[in-house]
Structures are given as structure tokens and as C-alpha cells.
Amino acid sequence: MERLGSSRTEQARLVERAKIVLGCLAGERNDQIAARMKLQGEYGSDVAKRFMEEGHRGVT
């Protein structure tokens, strides 16, 4: 996740998802992640939920 979250060559949506997961793993709340990354709606919490349920496959 860390490699993907800091990548400059991967697809932007994958990098964004990795950053969301890394924030969750660091203990940030969903609203904090959304504000920091300027996300709208429930996108961040949806990504985090998929990661918790499916692991890496749920994010990529």
C-alpha cells in the first residue's frame, strides 16, 4: 500500500485508494481522510470498507 500510495506512475484512482487505506490504517477517521484528500460523498468510507472486507483485492 505504501508503494502504491506514493507512486507517480500508477493510475491516479489506485493511488488515491491506497492513500485512503493508509489513512485508515494510521487511525484517521473517515471524515478526516475525506477532508485531507478533498473527497466528496462516501467514497473514502466505501474504499475503506472494501479493504476491510476483501483486503488488497478490494482496493485494486
N, C-alpha and C. Protein backbone atom coordinates (compact mmCIF):
# COMPACT_ATOMS: atom_id res chain seq x y z
N MET A 1 0.82 -1.18 0.00
CA MET A 1 0.00 0.00 0.00
C MET A 1 0.87 1.25 0.00
N GLU A 2 1.94 1.23 0.78
CA GLU A 2 2.79 2.41 0.83
C GLU A 2 3.42 2.71 -0.52
N ARG A 3 3.87 1.68 -1.21
CA ARG A 3 4.46 1.87 -2.53
C ARG A 3 3.42 2.41 -3.49
N LEU A 4 2.25 1.84 -3.46
CA LEU A 4 1.18 2.28 -4.34
C LEU A 4 0.73 3.70 -4.00
N GLY A 5 0.66 4.01 -2.72
CA GLY A 5 0.21 5.33 -2.29
C GLY A 5 1.17 6.45 -2.66
N SER A 6 2.43 6.11 -2.88
CA SER A 6 3.40 7.15 -3.23
C SER A 6 3.83 7.08 -4.70
N SER A 7 3.21 6.21 -5.46
CA SER A 7 3.58 6.02 -6.87
C SER A 7 3.22 7.24 -7.72
N ARG A 8 4.08 7.52 -8.67
CA ARG A 8 3.80 8.57 -9.64
C ARG A 8 3.48 7.99 -11.02
N THR A 9 3.52 6.66 -11.12
CA THR A 9 3.29 6.03 -12.41
C THR A 9 2.01 5.19 -12.46
N GLU A 10 1.46 4.82 -11.30
CA GLU A 10 0.22 4.04 -11.27
C GLU A 10 -0.96 4.94 -11.60
N GLN A 11 -2.09 4.32 -11.91
CA GLN A 11 -3.31 5.07 -12.19
C GLN A 11 -3.70 5.90 -10.96
N ALA A 12 -4.15 7.11 -11.20
CA ALA A 12 -4.46 8.04 -10.11
C ALA A 12 -5.51 7.47 -9.15
N ARG A 13 -6.49 6.75 -9.67
CA ARG A 13 -7.54 6.22 -8.79
C ARG A 13 -6.98 5.15 -7.84
N LEU A 14 -5.99 4.36 -8.30
CA LEU A 14 -5.38 3.36 -7.43
C LEU A 14 -4.54 4.02 -6.34
N VAL A 15 -3.82 5.07 -6.72
CA VAL A 15 -3.01 5.81 -5.74
C VAL A 15 -3.93 6.43 -4.69
N GLU A 16 -5.03 7.01 -5.13
CA GLU A 16 -5.98 7.62 -4.21
C GLU A 16 -6.55 6.59 -3.25
N ARG A 17 -6.94 5.44 -3.75
CA ARG A 17 -7.48 4.38 -2.90
C ARG A 17 -6.45 3.92 -1.88
N ALA A 18 -5.20 3.78 -2.32
CA ALA A 18 -4.13 3.36 -1.40
C ALA A 18 -3.95 4.39 -0.30
N LYS A 19 -4.01 5.67 -0.62
CA LYS A 19 -3.87 6.72 0.38
C LYS A 19 -5.01 6.68 1.39
N ILE A 20 -6.21 6.37 0.93
CA ILE A 20 -7.35 6.24 1.83
C ILE A 20 -7.11 5.10 2.81
N VAL A 21 -6.68 3.95 2.29
CA VAL A 21 -6.43 2.78 3.14
C VAL A 21 -5.31 3.09 4.14
N LEU A 22 -4.24 3.72 3.68
CA LEU A 22 -3.14 4.06 4.58
C LEU A 22 -3.60 4.99 5.70
N GLY A 23 -4.48 5.93 5.37
CA GLY A 23 -5.03 6.80 6.40
C GLY A 23 -5.82 6.01 7.42
N CYS A 24 -6.63 5.08 6.97
CA CYS A 24 -7.42 4.24 7.87
C CYS A 24 -6.51 3.41 8.77
N LEU A 25 -5.48 2.82 8.17
CA LEU A 25 -4.56 2.00 8.94
C LEU A 25 -3.78 2.83 9.97
N ALA A 26 -3.61 4.12 9.70
CA ALA A 26 -2.90 5.02 10.62
C ALA A 26 -3.83 5.53 11.72
N GLY A 27 -5.11 5.15 11.66
CA GLY A 27 -6.04 5.53 12.71
C GLY A 27 -6.84 6.79 12.43
N GLU A 28 -6.74 7.33 11.22
CA GLU A 28 -7.54 8.51 10.88
C GLU A 28 -9.00 8.12 10.72
N ARG A 29 -9.88 9.02 11.10
CA ARG A 29 -11.31 8.80 10.88
C ARG A 29 -11.64 9.10 9.42
N ASN A 30 -12.74 8.53 8.96
CA ASN A 30 -13.16 8.73 7.57
C ASN A 30 -13.36 10.20 7.23
N ASP A 31 -13.94 10.97 8.15
CA ASP A 31 -14.16 12.38 7.87
C ASP A 31 -12.85 13.16 7.78
N GLN A 32 -11.85 12.75 8.55
CA GLN A 32 -10.54 13.39 8.48
C GLN A 32 -9.86 13.11 7.14
N ILE A 33 -9.95 11.86 6.72
CA ILE A 33 -9.35 11.47 5.43
C ILE A 33 -10.04 12.22 4.30
N ALA A 34 -11.36 12.26 4.34
CA ALA A 34 -12.12 12.95 3.29
C ALA A 34 -11.75 14.42 3.21
N ALA A 35 -11.60 15.08 4.36
CA ALA A 35 -11.24 16.49 4.37
C ALA A 35 -9.82 16.70 3.84
N ARG A 36 -8.88 15.86 4.29
CA ARG A 36 -7.49 15.99 3.86
C ARG A 36 -7.34 15.77 2.37
N MET A 37 -8.08 14.81 1.84
CA MET A 37 -7.94 14.46 0.42
C MET A 37 -8.98 15.16 -0.46
N LYS A 38 -9.82 15.97 0.16
CA LYS A 38 -10.88 16.69 -0.57
C LYS A 38 -11.80 15.73 -1.33
N LEU A 39 -12.23 14.69 -0.64
CA LEU A 39 -13.14 13.70 -1.22
C LEU A 39 -14.57 14.12 -0.95
N GLN A 40 -15.46 13.76 -1.84
CA GLN A 40 -16.86 14.07 -1.65
C GLN A 40 -17.65 12.79 -1.48
N GLY A 41 -18.75 12.90 -0.78
CA GLY A 41 -19.62 11.76 -0.59
C GLY A 41 -19.00 10.71 0.31
N GLU A 42 -19.41 9.49 0.09
CA GLU A 42 -18.98 8.36 0.92
C GLU A 42 -17.85 7.55 0.27
N TYR A 43 -17.20 8.10 -0.74
CA TYR A 43 -16.17 7.36 -1.48
C TYR A 43 -15.10 6.80 -0.56
N GLY A 44 -14.57 7.62 0.33
CA GLY A 44 -13.50 7.17 1.22
C GLY A 44 -13.93 6.03 2.12
N SER A 45 -15.11 6.14 2.70
CA SER A 45 -15.57 5.07 3.58
C SER A 45 -15.91 3.81 2.80
N ASP A 46 -16.36 3.96 1.56
CA ASP A 46 -16.61 2.79 0.72
C ASP A 46 -15.32 2.03 0.43
N VAL A 47 -14.26 2.77 0.12
CA VAL A 47 -12.96 2.15 -0.16
C VAL A 47 -12.44 1.46 1.10
N ALA A 48 -12.53 2.12 2.24
CA ALA A 48 -12.06 1.54 3.48
C ALA A 48 -12.84 0.27 3.82
N LYS A 49 -14.14 0.29 3.61
CA LYS A 49 -14.98 -0.88 3.89
C LYS A 49 -14.58 -2.05 3.00
N ARG A 50 -14.38 -1.78 1.69
CA ARG A 50 -13.96 -2.85 0.78
C ARG A 50 -12.62 -3.43 1.19
N PHE A 51 -11.70 -2.57 1.63
CA PHE A 51 -10.40 -3.06 2.07
C PHE A 51 -10.54 -3.97 3.29
N MET A 52 -11.37 -3.57 4.24
CA MET A 52 -11.56 -4.37 5.45
C MET A 52 -12.20 -5.72 5.13
N GLU A 53 -13.09 -5.74 4.15
CA GLU A 53 -13.79 -6.97 3.79
C GLU A 53 -12.98 -7.87 2.87
N GLU A 54 -12.26 -7.26 1.90
CA GLU A 54 -11.63 -8.05 0.85
C GLU A 54 -10.10 -7.94 0.81
N GLY A 55 -9.55 -7.07 1.64
CA GLY A 55 -8.11 -6.88 1.64
C GLY A 55 -7.65 -6.15 0.38
N HIS A 56 -6.46 -6.43 -0.02
CA HIS A 56 -5.83 -5.75 -1.17
C HIS A 56 -6.70 -5.83 -2.44
N ARG A 57 -7.34 -6.96 -2.64
CA ARG A 57 -8.18 -7.14 -3.84
C ARG A 57 -9.34 -6.16 -3.90
N GLY A 58 -9.83 -5.73 -2.75
CA GLY A 58 -10.95 -4.82 -2.71
C GLY A 58 -10.58 -3.39 -3.10
N VAL A 59 -9.29 -3.12 -3.14
CA VAL A 59 -8.82 -1.77 -3.43
C VAL A 59 -8.33 -1.66 -4.86
N THR A 60 -7.73 -2.68 -5.38
CA THR A 60 -7.14 -2.61 -6.72
C THR A 60 -8.08 -3.09 -7.79
